[in-house]
């Protein structure tokens, strides 16, 4: 059973860790003045996989699937794009764009468009699986619209439980449980925008923007416009003003402080479950590295 801190009662059997992710009393004890997102780190990032770790695990999983499919005579293609993911040490917190554009040089060159080196590579095209390949790949995994039982073997060989995809998952550690840290990451962001410190910072930013002829209420509004293929002069001008007003009002410093306070409270409340998530993730990362280095796991 997971217990929570403070005066809250222990979770009941019907509850799951993270079911209660409200942090109504979280408040920062201090606020730093920030001029760049480069040094920003949020508490929940300790429990989120880095992009290169995600890519490593995905590649190892595909490699194991390829080995399994080959036993049945199928060629499962695997590309090596995992080696160069966008922003390798980034994670689901997306600090580069979490609070919108914040870098003066980036705004001056790209407006609200992402820099070219932050764009993911186009996926490698693959041929649809045949029914036989799909049966070996998925095994007895339930499929929408499927009727009848899945084949248990193919050409005399027993198909693994949940197919080759299930075999790969089991070898890497029966899957990662990332929902809790990702839920905390999302919850803190959403809750932060209703905190008085952040709403006041939004108002100060909006007032600054209005002095330059813009009528945005929050820094999220400029991001909702449909972007053309390339940034226009007007877009770049808006983005530069946006960044200047964020710096002038220390909007990001305030926002980060508030989000950090929310996350700290939620992490403390769910510490036992998060620790287990972290331990499981590290084991999976180690196993995936072994798969890539040696071609198998014991």
Protein backbone atom coordinates (compact mmCIF):
# COMPACT_ATOMS: atom_id res chain seq x y z
CA UNK A 1 0.00 0.00 0.00
CA UNK A 2 1.26 3.48 -0.86
CA UNK A 3 1.04 6.04 1.90
CA UNK A 4 1.06 9.77 1.37
CA UNK A 5 2.66 12.56 3.31
CA UNK A 6 1.10 15.27 5.40
CA UNK A 7 -2.35 14.85 6.89
CA UNK A 8 -3.77 12.85 3.99
CA UNK A 9 -4.96 9.32 4.63
CA UNK A 10 -3.41 6.25 3.01
CA UNK A 11 -4.70 5.24 -0.39
CA UNK A 12 -7.50 2.70 -0.49
CA UNK A 13 -7.21 -0.52 -2.53
CA UNK A 14 -9.38 1.11 -5.22
CA UNK A 15 -6.98 4.05 -5.59
CA UNK A 16 -3.83 4.05 -7.67
CA UNK A 17 -0.69 6.10 -6.99
CA UNK A 18 -1.18 9.49 -8.58
CA UNK A 19 -4.99 9.40 -8.65
CA UNK A 20 -5.05 12.55 -6.54
CA UNK A 21 -2.73 14.99 -8.27
CA UNK A 22 -4.13 18.27 -7.01
CA UNK A 23 -1.71 20.53 -5.14
CA UNK A 24 -3.92 23.46 -4.06
CA UNK A 25 -1.57 24.73 -1.35
CA UNK A 26 1.72 24.54 -3.25
CA UNK A 27 3.53 27.86 -3.30
CA UNK A 28 7.14 28.75 -4.14
CA UNK A 29 9.41 29.94 -1.36
CA UNK A 30 11.56 31.96 -3.77
CA UNK A 31 11.64 33.07 -7.41
CA UNK A 32 14.78 33.37 -9.52
CA UNK A 33 15.25 35.80 -12.37
CA UNK A 34 15.73 33.76 -15.54
CA UNK A 35 17.13 34.97 -18.86
CA UNK A 36 17.41 31.54 -20.52
CA UNK A 37 15.75 28.14 -20.42
CA UNK A 38 19.12 26.40 -20.80
CA UNK A 39 19.63 25.98 -17.06
CA UNK A 40 16.01 25.24 -16.12
CA UNK A 41 15.29 21.89 -14.53
CA UNK A 42 12.00 20.78 -13.01
CA UNK A 43 11.87 18.26 -10.12
CA UNK A 44 9.87 15.67 -12.10
CA UNK A 45 12.64 15.41 -14.69
CA UNK A 46 14.47 13.08 -12.29
CA UNK A 47 11.76 10.51 -13.08
CA UNK A 48 11.28 11.13 -16.81
CA UNK A 49 13.25 9.22 -19.44
CA UNK A 50 15.59 11.28 -21.58
CA UNK A 51 14.95 11.27 -25.32
CA UNK A 52 18.08 9.24 -26.01
CA UNK A 53 17.01 6.67 -23.39
CA UNK A 54 13.61 6.38 -25.06
CA UNK A 55 15.33 5.89 -28.41
CA UNK A 56 17.72 3.29 -27.00
CA UNK A 57 14.89 1.25 -25.49
CA UNK A 58 12.83 1.49 -28.68
CA UNK A 59 15.77 0.36 -30.82
CA UNK A 60 16.54 -2.56 -28.49
CA UNK A 61 12.88 -3.59 -28.56
CA UNK A 62 12.82 -3.52 -32.36
CA UNK A 63 16.07 -5.47 -32.47
CA UNK A 64 14.58 -8.19 -30.27
CA UNK A 65 11.43 -8.26 -32.40
CA UNK A 66 13.63 -8.62 -35.48
CA UNK A 67 15.42 -11.61 -33.92
CA UNK A 68 12.11 -13.23 -33.00
CA UNK A 69 10.48 -12.61 -36.39
CA UNK A 70 13.54 -14.06 -38.12
CA UNK A 71 12.92 -17.38 -36.35
CA UNK A 72 9.65 -17.56 -38.26
CA UNK A 73 11.21 -16.55 -41.57
CA UNK A 74 10.16 -12.90 -41.60
CA UNK A 75 12.40 -9.86 -42.16
CA UNK A 76 11.46 -7.14 -39.66
CA UNK A 77 13.28 -3.96 -40.71
CA UNK A 78 15.06 -1.87 -38.06
CA UNK A 79 16.66 1.49 -38.78
CA UNK A 80 19.42 3.11 -36.73
CA UNK A 81 17.77 6.52 -36.29
CA UNK A 82 17.74 5.95 -32.53
CA UNK A 83 21.36 7.09 -32.45
CA UNK A 84 20.52 10.73 -33.10
CA UNK A 85 17.19 11.69 -31.52
CA UNK A 86 16.14 15.33 -31.45
CA UNK A 87 17.42 16.98 -28.24
CA UNK A 88 19.01 13.77 -26.83
CA UNK A 89 19.06 14.94 -23.21
CA UNK A 90 15.61 16.48 -23.39
CA UNK A 91 12.54 14.76 -21.98
CA UNK A 92 8.76 14.99 -21.82
CA UNK A 93 9.01 18.22 -19.84
CA UNK A 94 10.17 19.86 -23.11
CA UNK A 95 12.00 22.71 -21.41
CA UNK A 96 12.98 24.23 -24.77
CA UNK A 97 9.35 25.09 -25.59
CA UNK A 98 7.41 24.39 -22.40
CA UNK A 99 6.74 28.08 -21.79
CA UNK A 100 6.78 29.18 -25.40
CA UNK A 101 9.64 30.88 -27.21
CA UNK A 102 12.11 32.44 -24.75
CA UNK A 103 15.37 32.79 -26.64
CA UNK A 104 15.94 36.15 -28.37
CA UNK A 105 18.12 34.75 -31.14
CA UNK A 106 15.71 31.91 -31.90
CA UNK A 107 12.76 34.32 -32.02
CA UNK A 108 14.68 36.64 -34.37
CA UNK A 109 15.49 33.79 -36.78
CA UNK A 110 12.48 31.49 -36.59
CA UNK A 111 9.66 33.38 -34.89
CA UNK A 112 7.40 30.76 -33.34
CA UNK A 113 8.67 28.02 -35.66
CA UNK A 114 10.94 25.36 -34.14
CA UNK A 115 14.58 25.54 -35.17
CA UNK A 116 15.41 23.02 -37.93
CA UNK A 117 17.60 20.95 -35.61
CA UNK A 118 14.63 20.48 -33.29
CA UNK A 119 12.45 18.92 -35.98
CA UNK A 120 12.17 15.11 -35.86
CA UNK A 121 13.35 13.17 -38.88
CA UNK A 122 10.70 11.81 -41.20
CA UNK A 123 9.82 8.21 -40.28
CA UNK A 124 11.29 5.48 -42.43
CA UNK A 125 8.64 3.97 -44.67
CA UNK A 126 7.66 0.36 -43.98
CA UNK A 127 5.54 -2.13 -45.86
CA UNK A 128 2.27 -3.27 -44.23
CA UNK A 129 2.52 -6.65 -42.53
CA UNK A 130 0.88 -9.68 -44.07
CA UNK A 131 -1.70 -11.55 -42.00
CA UNK A 132 0.89 -14.21 -41.19
CA UNK A 133 3.47 -11.62 -40.11
CA UNK A 134 0.88 -9.83 -37.99
CA UNK A 135 -0.08 -13.09 -36.29
CA UNK A 136 3.54 -13.76 -35.33
CA UNK A 137 4.15 -10.14 -34.32
CA UNK A 138 1.06 -9.81 -32.09
CA UNK A 139 0.33 -13.42 -31.14
CA UNK A 140 -2.71 -13.65 -28.89
CA UNK A 141 -2.86 -9.89 -28.23
CA UNK A 142 -6.53 -8.82 -28.61
CA UNK A 143 -7.15 -6.79 -31.77
CA UNK A 144 -10.09 -4.48 -32.50
CA UNK A 145 -12.61 -6.13 -34.77
CA UNK A 146 -10.92 -9.51 -34.54
CA UNK A 147 -13.13 -12.58 -34.19
CA UNK A 148 -12.07 -16.07 -33.27
CA UNK A 149 -8.89 -17.21 -31.59
CA UNK A 150 -5.41 -16.26 -32.77
CA UNK A 151 -3.17 -19.00 -34.18
CA UNK A 152 -0.91 -20.55 -31.55
CA UNK A 153 1.82 -21.59 -33.97
CA UNK A 154 3.23 -20.82 -37.39
CA UNK A 155 4.81 -23.50 -39.58
CA UNK A 156 5.22 -25.79 -36.60
CA UNK A 157 6.76 -23.18 -34.27
CA UNK A 158 4.91 -21.97 -31.21
CA UNK A 159 4.17 -18.25 -31.30
CA UNK A 160 5.24 -16.51 -28.05
CA UNK A 161 2.61 -15.06 -25.74
CA UNK A 162 1.54 -11.73 -27.28
CA UNK A 163 3.77 -12.53 -30.22
CA UNK A 164 7.26 -11.27 -30.90
CA UNK A 165 6.33 -7.84 -29.55
CA UNK A 166 5.40 -9.44 -26.22
CA UNK A 167 8.60 -11.47 -26.14
CA UNK A 168 10.67 -8.34 -26.68
CA UNK A 169 8.81 -6.49 -23.95
CA UNK A 170 9.35 -9.28 -21.44
CA UNK A 171 13.07 -9.46 -22.20
CA UNK A 172 13.40 -5.73 -21.59
CA UNK A 173 11.45 -5.80 -18.34
CA UNK A 174 7.73 -6.15 -19.05
CA UNK A 175 7.34 -2.55 -20.13
CA UNK A 176 7.90 0.83 -18.53
CA UNK A 177 5.34 2.41 -16.24
CA UNK A 178 5.77 6.07 -17.14
CA UNK A 179 2.21 7.22 -16.58
CA UNK A 180 2.70 8.60 -13.06
CA UNK A 181 5.67 10.92 -13.74
CA UNK A 182 4.10 12.03 -17.02
CA UNK A 183 0.80 12.72 -15.25
CA UNK A 184 2.60 14.81 -12.64
CA UNK A 185 4.43 16.63 -15.43
CA UNK A 186 1.11 17.45 -17.12
CA UNK A 187 -0.80 18.21 -13.92
CA UNK A 188 1.76 20.71 -12.63
CA UNK A 189 1.71 22.60 -15.93
CA UNK A 190 -2.08 22.85 -16.02
CA UNK A 191 -2.42 23.74 -12.33
CA UNK A 192 0.34 26.35 -12.48
CA UNK A 193 -1.65 28.52 -14.88
CA UNK A 194 -4.39 29.08 -12.28
CA UNK A 195 -2.01 30.00 -9.46
CA UNK A 196 -2.16 33.71 -8.49
CA UNK A 197 1.58 34.25 -9.00
CA UNK A 198 1.38 32.97 -12.57
CA UNK A 199 -1.86 34.75 -13.46
CA UNK A 200 -0.30 37.99 -12.19
CA UNK A 201 2.79 37.33 -14.32
CA UNK A 202 0.53 36.67 -17.33
CA UNK A 203 -1.19 40.00 -16.71
CA UNK A 204 2.14 41.84 -16.51
CA UNK A 205 3.27 40.18 -19.74
CA UNK A 206 -0.05 41.04 -21.43
CA UNK A 207 0.28 44.69 -20.36
CA UNK A 208 3.80 44.78 -21.79
CA UNK A 209 2.61 43.28 -25.08
CA UNK A 210 -0.30 45.75 -25.27
CA UNK A 211 2.15 48.65 -25.18
CA UNK A 212 3.53 47.28 -28.45
CA UNK A 213 0.12 46.87 -30.07
CA UNK A 214 -0.66 43.22 -29.22
CA UNK A 215 -3.79 42.06 -27.38
CA UNK A 216 -2.80 38.62 -26.11
CA UNK A 217 -4.05 37.71 -22.64
CA UNK A 218 -1.60 34.84 -22.07
CA UNK A 219 1.69 33.75 -23.68
CA UNK A 220 -0.07 30.63 -24.99
CA UNK A 221 -2.29 32.60 -27.35
CA UNK A 222 0.38 33.44 -29.96
CA UNK A 223 1.17 29.72 -30.20
CA UNK A 224 -2.37 28.83 -31.26
CA UNK A 225 -2.17 30.54 -34.64
CA UNK A 226 -1.65 28.31 -37.65
CA UNK A 227 1.97 28.75 -38.75
CA UNK A 228 2.90 29.03 -42.43
CA UNK A 229 5.72 26.96 -43.92
CA UNK A 230 8.27 29.65 -43.03
CA UNK A 231 8.20 32.53 -40.51
CA UNK A 232 6.94 35.88 -41.77
CA UNK A 233 8.35 39.26 -40.79
CA UNK A 234 5.22 39.93 -38.72
CA UNK A 235 5.58 36.62 -36.88
CA UNK A 236 9.23 37.30 -36.08
CA UNK A 237 8.36 40.78 -34.80
CA UNK A 238 5.67 39.34 -32.54
CA UNK A 239 7.96 36.61 -31.23
CA UNK A 240 10.75 39.08 -30.47
CA UNK A 241 8.33 41.28 -28.55
CA UNK A 242 6.96 38.23 -26.75
CA UNK A 243 10.46 37.26 -25.59
CA UNK A 244 11.33 40.81 -24.56
CA UNK A 245 8.19 41.04 -22.42
CA UNK A 246 8.88 37.66 -20.84
CA UNK A 247 12.33 38.87 -19.84
CA UNK A 248 11.03 42.22 -18.59
CA UNK A 249 8.36 40.65 -16.37
CA UNK A 250 10.39 37.56 -15.36
CA UNK A 251 7.40 35.51 -16.45
CA UNK A 252 9.41 32.32 -16.88
CA UNK A 253 11.17 32.67 -13.53
CA UNK A 254 7.81 32.95 -11.80
CA UNK A 255 6.24 30.13 -13.79
CA UNK A 256 9.13 27.75 -13.12
CA UNK A 257 9.08 28.51 -9.39
CA UNK A 258 5.35 27.81 -9.16
CA UNK A 259 5.55 24.61 -11.20
CA UNK A 260 8.49 23.39 -9.15
CA UNK A 261 6.53 23.90 -5.93
CA UNK A 262 3.58 21.94 -7.31
CA UNK A 263 5.80 19.12 -8.50
CA UNK A 264 7.65 18.88 -5.19
CA UNK A 265 4.36 18.42 -3.36
CA UNK A 266 3.13 15.79 -5.82
CA UNK A 267 6.47 13.96 -5.79
CA UNK A 268 6.50 13.83 -1.99
CA UNK A 269 2.95 12.48 -2.01
CA UNK A 270 3.86 9.76 -4.53
CA UNK A 271 7.50 9.16 -3.60
CA UNK A 272 7.30 5.39 -3.08
CA UNK A 273 5.60 4.77 -6.43
CA UNK A 274 7.96 7.15 -8.26
CA UNK A 275 11.00 5.44 -6.77
CA UNK A 276 9.75 2.12 -8.11
CA UNK A 277 9.17 3.69 -11.54
CA UNK A 278 12.75 4.96 -11.53
CA UNK A 279 14.22 1.60 -10.48
CA UNK A 280 12.25 -0.22 -13.18
CA UNK A 281 13.29 2.31 -15.81
CA UNK A 282 16.98 1.98 -14.94
CA UNK A 283 16.80 -1.81 -15.25
CA UNK A 284 15.15 -1.49 -18.66
CA UNK A 285 17.78 1.00 -19.81
CA UNK A 286 20.55 -1.39 -18.71
CA UNK A 287 18.92 -4.34 -20.48
CA UNK A 288 18.41 -2.34 -23.66
CA UNK A 289 22.07 -1.32 -23.67
CA UNK A 290 23.04 -4.98 -23.36
CA UNK A 291 20.76 -5.94 -26.26
CA UNK A 292 22.38 -3.33 -28.47
CA UNK A 293 25.94 -4.18 -27.39
CA UNK A 294 25.69 -7.97 -27.42
CA UNK A 295 22.61 -8.78 -29.45
CA UNK A 296 20.79 -10.58 -26.64
CA UNK A 297 19.84 -10.57 -22.99
CA UNK A 298 20.02 -13.44 -20.56
